[in-house]
Amino acid sequence: MAEALLTVTVDGQTVRVAPGSSVVAAVAQAARVAKTGVVTRRSVSGELRGPLCGMGVCQECRVTIDGVRHRLACQTLCAQGMTVRTGRAEP
């Protein structure tokens, strides 16, 4: 039997991902639906940044998960009802 998809909210947009998916996969899914680039944070100068290494070394994938800042999206698995805020949502 197939596992049920998880519902995750990314910058106010609801996406569905398979169990075991990383948060960066949910961010990418939200970007695909919105037809935008994958953005996880902003640099100190305000430039949009996205995931780079996929293994937690570059730290370009830092997002806010359930109110906790600076979580690595590439190293964190999605959980049902999780709320993710990226740098795209910031002014």
N, C-alpha and C. Protein backbone atom coordinates (compact mmCIF):
# COMPACT_ATOMS: atom_id res chain seq x y z
N MET A 1 0.84 -1.17 0.00
CA MET A 1 0.00 0.00 0.00
C MET A 1 0.89 1.25 0.00
N ALA A 2 0.56 2.22 -0.83
CA ALA A 2 1.33 3.45 -0.92
C ALA A 2 1.10 4.32 0.32
N GLU A 3 2.17 4.98 0.75
CA GLU A 3 2.05 5.87 1.90
C GLU A 3 1.34 7.16 1.48
N ALA A 4 0.59 7.73 2.40
CA ALA A 4 -0.12 8.98 2.13
C ALA A 4 0.89 10.11 2.01
N LEU A 5 0.58 11.07 1.16
CA LEU A 5 1.44 12.24 1.01
C LEU A 5 1.33 13.14 2.23
N LEU A 6 2.40 13.85 2.52
CA LEU A 6 2.41 14.83 3.62
C LEU A 6 2.01 16.19 3.08
N THR A 7 1.33 16.97 3.88
CA THR A 7 0.97 18.34 3.52
C THR A 7 1.91 19.28 4.26
N VAL A 8 2.59 20.14 3.50
CA VAL A 8 3.55 21.10 4.04
C VAL A 8 3.20 22.46 3.47
N THR A 9 3.33 23.50 4.27
CA THR A 9 3.08 24.86 3.80
C THR A 9 4.40 25.58 3.62
N VAL A 10 4.64 26.09 2.41
CA VAL A 10 5.86 26.83 2.10
C VAL A 10 5.47 28.25 1.70
N ASP A 11 5.85 29.22 2.51
CA ASP A 11 5.51 30.63 2.24
C ASP A 11 4.03 30.81 1.96
N GLY A 12 3.20 30.12 2.73
CA GLY A 12 1.75 30.25 2.61
C GLY A 12 1.12 29.37 1.54
N GLN A 13 1.94 28.66 0.77
CA GLN A 13 1.43 27.80 -0.30
C GLN A 13 1.49 26.34 0.16
N THR A 14 0.37 25.64 0.06
CA THR A 14 0.33 24.24 0.47
C THR A 14 0.84 23.35 -0.65
N VAL A 15 1.75 22.45 -0.29
CA VAL A 15 2.27 21.46 -1.25
C VAL A 15 2.16 20.08 -0.61
N ARG A 16 2.16 19.06 -1.45
CA ARG A 16 2.09 17.68 -0.97
C ARG A 16 3.36 16.98 -1.42
N VAL A 17 4.00 16.30 -0.48
CA VAL A 17 5.25 15.60 -0.78
C VAL A 17 5.19 14.19 -0.19
N ALA A 18 6.01 13.31 -0.73
CA ALA A 18 6.08 11.94 -0.23
C ALA A 18 6.79 11.90 1.12
N PRO A 19 6.39 10.99 2.00
CA PRO A 19 7.13 10.81 3.25
C PRO A 19 8.60 10.53 2.95
N GLY A 20 9.49 11.09 3.75
CA GLY A 20 10.92 10.93 3.52
C GLY A 20 11.52 12.02 2.66
N SER A 21 10.68 12.93 2.15
CA SER A 21 11.17 14.05 1.33
C SER A 21 11.83 15.09 2.22
N SER A 22 12.89 15.70 1.70
CA SER A 22 13.53 16.79 2.43
C SER A 22 12.71 18.07 2.30
N VAL A 23 12.96 19.00 3.19
CA VAL A 23 12.27 20.29 3.13
C VAL A 23 12.63 21.01 1.83
N VAL A 24 13.86 20.87 1.37
CA VAL A 24 14.23 21.54 0.12
C VAL A 24 13.42 20.98 -1.06
N ALA A 25 13.01 19.72 -0.98
CA ALA A 25 12.14 19.16 -2.02
C ALA A 25 10.77 19.83 -1.99
N ALA A 26 10.26 20.11 -0.79
CA ALA A 26 8.98 20.81 -0.67
C ALA A 26 9.10 22.24 -1.19
N VAL A 27 10.24 22.89 -0.90
CA VAL A 27 10.47 24.25 -1.41
C VAL A 27 10.52 24.22 -2.94
N ALA A 28 11.19 23.22 -3.50
CA ALA A 28 11.26 23.08 -4.96
C ALA A 28 9.88 22.81 -5.56
N GLN A 29 9.07 22.00 -4.88
CA GLN A 29 7.71 21.72 -5.35
C GLN A 29 6.89 23.02 -5.36
N ALA A 30 7.01 23.81 -4.29
CA ALA A 30 6.28 25.08 -4.23
C ALA A 30 6.74 26.01 -5.35
N ALA A 31 8.04 26.03 -5.63
CA ALA A 31 8.57 26.88 -6.71
C ALA A 31 8.06 26.42 -8.07
N ARG A 32 7.95 25.10 -8.25
CA ARG A 32 7.45 24.57 -9.53
C ARG A 32 6.00 24.99 -9.74
N VAL A 33 5.19 24.87 -8.69
CA VAL A 33 3.78 25.25 -8.79
C VAL A 33 3.64 26.75 -9.06
N ALA A 34 4.46 27.55 -8.39
CA ALA A 34 4.40 29.01 -8.54
C ALA A 34 5.13 29.50 -9.79
N LYS A 35 5.84 28.57 -10.47
CA LYS A 35 6.63 28.92 -11.66
C LYS A 35 7.68 29.98 -11.35
N THR A 36 8.41 29.74 -10.24
CA THR A 36 9.50 30.62 -9.84
C THR A 36 10.75 29.79 -9.63
N GLY A 37 11.85 30.45 -9.38
CA GLY A 37 13.08 29.74 -9.05
C GLY A 37 13.03 29.25 -7.61
N VAL A 38 13.89 28.28 -7.30
CA VAL A 38 13.96 27.75 -5.95
C VAL A 38 14.78 28.72 -5.09
N VAL A 39 14.14 29.31 -4.10
CA VAL A 39 14.78 30.27 -3.21
C VAL A 39 14.62 29.78 -1.77
N THR A 40 15.72 29.80 -1.03
CA THR A 40 15.64 29.41 0.37
C THR A 40 15.93 30.58 1.31
N ARG A 41 16.79 31.50 0.91
CA ARG A 41 17.13 32.59 1.82
C ARG A 41 17.59 33.82 1.03
N ARG A 42 17.91 34.87 1.76
CA ARG A 42 18.49 36.08 1.17
C ARG A 42 19.89 36.29 1.75
N SER A 43 20.78 36.80 0.93
CA SER A 43 22.13 37.11 1.42
C SER A 43 22.04 38.37 2.28
N VAL A 44 23.15 38.74 2.93
CA VAL A 44 23.15 39.94 3.76
C VAL A 44 22.88 41.19 2.93
N SER A 45 23.14 41.13 1.63
CA SER A 45 22.86 42.28 0.76
C SER A 45 21.45 42.21 0.16
N GLY A 46 20.67 41.17 0.52
CA GLY A 46 19.29 41.08 0.05
C GLY A 46 19.08 40.25 -1.19
N GLU A 47 20.16 39.65 -1.74
CA GLU A 47 20.02 38.83 -2.95
C GLU A 47 19.37 37.49 -2.61
N LEU A 48 18.52 37.01 -3.52
CA LEU A 48 17.90 35.70 -3.34
C LEU A 48 18.93 34.60 -3.52
N ARG A 49 18.90 33.60 -2.65
CA ARG A 49 19.85 32.49 -2.71
C ARG A 49 19.07 31.17 -2.75
N GLY A 50 19.70 30.13 -3.25
CA GLY A 50 19.07 28.82 -3.31
C GLY A 50 20.03 27.74 -2.86
N PRO A 51 19.54 26.52 -2.70
CA PRO A 51 20.38 25.42 -2.25
C PRO A 51 21.49 25.14 -3.26
N LEU A 52 22.63 24.73 -2.75
CA LEU A 52 23.77 24.51 -3.63
C LEU A 52 24.34 23.09 -3.50
N CYS A 53 24.78 22.71 -2.31
CA CYS A 53 25.52 21.45 -2.18
C CYS A 53 24.62 20.25 -1.90
N GLY A 54 23.49 20.45 -1.25
CA GLY A 54 22.58 19.34 -0.94
C GLY A 54 23.03 18.44 0.19
N MET A 55 24.09 18.83 0.92
CA MET A 55 24.55 17.99 2.03
C MET A 55 24.84 18.80 3.30
N GLY A 56 24.37 20.04 3.37
CA GLY A 56 24.47 20.84 4.58
C GLY A 56 25.75 21.61 4.79
N VAL A 57 26.68 21.52 3.86
CA VAL A 57 27.96 22.20 4.02
C VAL A 57 27.88 23.68 3.67
N CYS A 58 27.21 24.02 2.56
CA CYS A 58 27.19 25.41 2.09
C CYS A 58 26.26 26.30 2.89
N GLN A 59 25.26 25.72 3.53
CA GLN A 59 24.28 26.44 4.35
C GLN A 59 23.44 27.44 3.56
N GLU A 60 23.40 27.31 2.24
CA GLU A 60 22.58 28.17 1.40
C GLU A 60 21.09 27.81 1.49
N CYS A 61 20.78 26.67 2.08
CA CYS A 61 19.39 26.21 2.13
C CYS A 61 18.70 26.56 3.45
N ARG A 62 19.26 27.47 4.22
CA ARG A 62 18.67 27.82 5.52
C ARG A 62 17.28 28.44 5.36
N VAL A 63 16.33 27.91 6.12
CA VAL A 63 14.95 28.38 6.11
C VAL A 63 14.45 28.42 7.56
N THR A 64 13.25 28.96 7.74
CA THR A 64 12.59 28.94 9.04
C THR A 64 11.54 27.83 8.99
N ILE A 65 11.64 26.89 9.91
CA ILE A 65 10.70 25.76 9.96
C ILE A 65 9.96 25.82 11.29
N ASP A 66 8.64 25.93 11.21
CA ASP A 66 7.80 26.00 12.41
C ASP A 66 8.33 27.03 13.41
N GLY A 67 8.77 28.18 12.87
CA GLY A 67 9.23 29.29 13.70
C GLY A 67 10.68 29.22 14.13
N VAL A 68 11.39 28.15 13.81
CA VAL A 68 12.79 28.01 14.17
C VAL A 68 13.66 28.41 12.97
N ARG A 69 14.43 29.47 13.14
CA ARG A 69 15.25 30.00 12.04
C ARG A 69 16.50 29.16 11.80
N HIS A 70 17.07 29.33 10.64
CA HIS A 70 18.36 28.76 10.23
C HIS A 70 18.39 27.24 10.24
N ARG A 71 17.30 26.61 9.89
CA ARG A 71 17.27 25.15 9.73
C ARG A 71 17.73 24.82 8.32
N LEU A 72 18.49 23.77 8.17
CA LEU A 72 18.98 23.35 6.86
C LEU A 72 17.91 22.54 6.14
N ALA A 73 17.38 23.10 5.07
CA ALA A 73 16.29 22.46 4.33
C ALA A 73 16.73 21.16 3.67
N CYS A 74 17.99 21.07 3.29
CA CYS A 74 18.46 19.85 2.60
C CYS A 74 18.68 18.70 3.57
N GLN A 75 18.78 18.99 4.86
CA GLN A 75 19.06 17.97 5.86
C GLN A 75 17.88 17.69 6.79
N THR A 76 16.75 18.33 6.54
CA THR A 76 15.57 18.18 7.39
C THR A 76 14.47 17.49 6.60
N LEU A 77 13.88 16.47 7.18
CA LEU A 77 12.78 15.76 6.51
C LEU A 77 11.46 16.45 6.80
N CYS A 78 10.58 16.42 5.84
CA CYS A 78 9.26 17.01 6.00
C CYS A 78 8.44 16.22 7.02
N ALA A 79 7.58 16.94 7.73
CA ALA A 79 6.64 16.33 8.66
C ALA A 79 5.26 16.88 8.33
N GLN A 80 4.24 16.09 8.60
CA GLN A 80 2.86 16.51 8.35
C GLN A 80 2.57 17.84 9.04
N GLY A 81 2.04 18.81 8.28
CA GLY A 81 1.63 20.08 8.82
C GLY A 81 2.75 21.09 9.03
N MET A 82 3.96 20.75 8.64
CA MET A 82 5.11 21.63 8.81
C MET A 82 4.89 22.94 8.05
N THR A 83 5.36 24.04 8.64
CA THR A 83 5.30 25.35 8.00
C THR A 83 6.72 25.83 7.75
N VAL A 84 7.01 26.18 6.51
CA VAL A 84 8.34 26.60 6.09
C VAL A 84 8.25 28.03 5.58
N ARG A 85 9.18 28.85 6.00
CA ARG A 85 9.26 30.22 5.49
C ARG A 85 10.65 30.41 4.91
N THR A 86 10.69 30.84 3.67
CA THR A 86 11.98 31.05 2.98
C THR A 86 12.29 32.54 2.93
N GLY A 87 13.47 32.83 2.40
CA GLY A 87 13.87 34.22 2.22
C GLY A 87 13.05 34.95 1.18
N ARG A 88 12.35 34.20 0.31
CA ARG A 88 11.51 34.85 -0.69
C ARG A 88 10.41 35.65 -0.02
N ALA A 89 9.93 35.16 1.15
CA ALA A 89 8.83 35.81 1.84
C ALA A 89 9.23 37.07 2.58
N GLU A 90 10.54 37.28 2.75
CA GLU A 90 11.01 38.44 3.49
C GLU A 90 11.14 39.64 2.58
N PRO A 91 10.97 40.85 3.12
CA PRO A 91 11.10 42.06 2.29
C PRO A 91 12.52 42.30 1.84
